[in-house]
Amino acid sequence: MRSWWLNGRASAKLIEHAATTNQHWQQRIAAARKNHTKQTRKKLRKMGIYFKDLIRCRWP
């Protein structure tokens, strides 16, 4: 089992690897979100729905 409480170098290496992995996946998720948003907006524009023309709801 991996342990965060290893000696200095091993623990630092494990933490660095975890941070690198997290950063990679956060970037991938952000890119996917951006792409999905673009595709959805493109699909809606094709159907004649434009966000600039929509009326926003007024919250009480």
C-alpha atoms as a PDB file:
ATOM      1  CA  MET A   1       0.000   0.000   0.000  1.00  0.00           C
ATOM      2  CA  ARG A   2       1.257   3.459  -0.821  1.00  0.00           C
ATOM      3  CA  SER A   3       1.974   5.647   2.124  1.00  0.00           C
ATOM      4  CA  TRP A   4       2.166   9.404   2.340  1.00  0.00           C
ATOM      5  CA  TRP A   5       4.331   9.046   5.448  1.00  0.00           C
ATOM      6  CA  LEU A   6       7.400   7.666   3.732  1.00  0.00           C
ATOM      7  CA  ASN A   7      10.818   9.193   4.159  1.00  0.00           C
ATOM      8  CA  GLY A   8      11.364  12.638   2.602  1.00  0.00           C
ATOM      9  CA  ARG A   9      12.299  11.828  -1.003  1.00  0.00           C
ATOM     10  CA  ALA A  10       9.833   8.969  -1.510  1.00  0.00           C
ATOM     11  CA  SER A  11       6.956  10.959  -0.033  1.00  0.00           C
ATOM     12  CA  ALA A  12       7.809  14.029  -2.108  1.00  0.00           C
ATOM     13  CA  LYS A  13       7.971  11.921  -5.271  1.00  0.00           C
ATOM     14  CA  LEU A  14       4.584  10.367  -4.535  1.00  0.00           C
ATOM     15  CA  ILE A  15       3.012  13.761  -3.844  1.00  0.00           C
ATOM     16  CA  GLU A  16       4.568  15.238  -7.003  1.00  0.00           C
ATOM     17  CA  HIS A  17       3.195  12.359  -9.085  1.00  0.00           C
ATOM     18  CA  ALA A  18      -0.294  12.809  -7.597  1.00  0.00           C
ATOM     19  CA  ALA A  19      -0.184  16.567  -8.270  1.00  0.00           C
ATOM     20  CA  THR A  20       0.940  16.038 -11.865  1.00  0.00           C
ATOM     21  CA  THR A  21      -1.793  13.471 -12.467  1.00  0.00           C
ATOM     22  CA  ASN A  22      -4.461  15.754 -10.971  1.00  0.00           C
ATOM     23  CA  GLN A  23      -3.298  18.696 -13.053  1.00  0.00           C
ATOM     24  CA  HIS A  24      -3.390  16.605 -16.229  1.00  0.00           C
ATOM     25  CA  TRP A  25      -6.952  15.431 -15.643  1.00  0.00           C
ATOM     26  CA  GLN A  26      -8.174  18.874 -14.607  1.00  0.00           C
ATOM     27  CA  GLN A  27      -6.887  20.252 -17.912  1.00  0.00           C
ATOM     28  CA  ARG A  28      -8.509  17.425 -19.876  1.00  0.00           C
ATOM     29  CA  ILE A  29     -11.851  17.934 -18.118  1.00  0.00           C
ATOM     30  CA  ALA A  30     -11.715  21.694 -18.754  1.00  0.00           C
ATOM     31  CA  ALA A  31     -10.966  21.115 -22.453  1.00  0.00           C
ATOM     32  CA  ALA A  32     -13.835  18.610 -22.725  1.00  0.00           C
ATOM     33  CA  ARG A  33     -16.244  21.042 -21.017  1.00  0.00           C
ATOM     34  CA  LYS A  34     -15.243  23.806 -23.428  1.00  0.00           C
ATOM     35  CA  ASN A  35     -15.670  21.525 -26.444  1.00  0.00           C
ATOM     36  CA  HIS A  36     -19.057  20.211 -25.299  1.00  0.00           C
ATOM     37  CA  THR A  37     -20.275  23.772 -24.754  1.00  0.00           C
ATOM     38  CA  LYS A  38     -19.130  24.781 -28.235  1.00  0.00           C
ATOM     39  CA  GLN A  39     -20.822  21.774 -29.821  1.00  0.00           C
ATOM     40  CA  THR A  40     -24.085  22.372 -27.955  1.00  0.00           C
ATOM     41  CA  ARG A  41     -24.169  26.048 -28.901  1.00  0.00           C
ATOM     42  CA  LYS A  42     -23.396  25.151 -32.525  1.00  0.00           C
ATOM     43  CA  LYS A  43     -26.247  22.633 -32.566  1.00  0.00           C
ATOM     44  CA  LEU A  44     -28.659  25.188 -31.092  1.00  0.00           C
ATOM     45  CA  ARG A  45     -27.566  27.859 -33.604  1.00  0.00           C
ATOM     46  CA  LYS A  46     -28.232  25.377 -36.394  1.00  0.00           C
ATOM     47  CA  MET A  47     -31.798  25.055 -35.065  1.00  0.00           C
ATOM     48  CA  GLY A  48     -32.136  28.848 -35.003  1.00  0.00           C
ATOM     49  CA  ILE A  49     -31.723  29.325 -31.256  1.00  0.00           C
ATOM     50  CA  TYR A  50     -29.328  32.113 -30.289  1.00  0.00           C
ATOM     51  CA  PHE A  51     -28.407  32.890 -26.687  1.00  0.00           C
ATOM     52  CA  LYS A  52     -28.235  36.608 -27.369  1.00  0.00           C
ATOM     53  CA  ASP A  53     -31.928  36.574 -28.333  1.00  0.00           C
ATOM     54  CA  LEU A  54     -33.168  34.675 -25.267  1.00  0.00           C
ATOM     55  CA  ILE A  55     -34.897  36.562 -22.490  1.00  0.00           C
ATOM     56  CA  ARG A  56     -33.528  35.850 -19.026  1.00  0.00           C
ATOM     57  CA  CYS A  57     -35.816  34.956 -16.173  1.00  0.00           C
ATOM     58  CA  ARG A  58     -36.105  37.534 -13.419  1.00  0.00           C
ATOM     59  CA  TRP A  59     -35.660  36.059  -9.978  1.00  0.00           C
ATOM     60  CA  PRO A  60     -37.828  37.515  -7.216  1.00  0.00           C
END
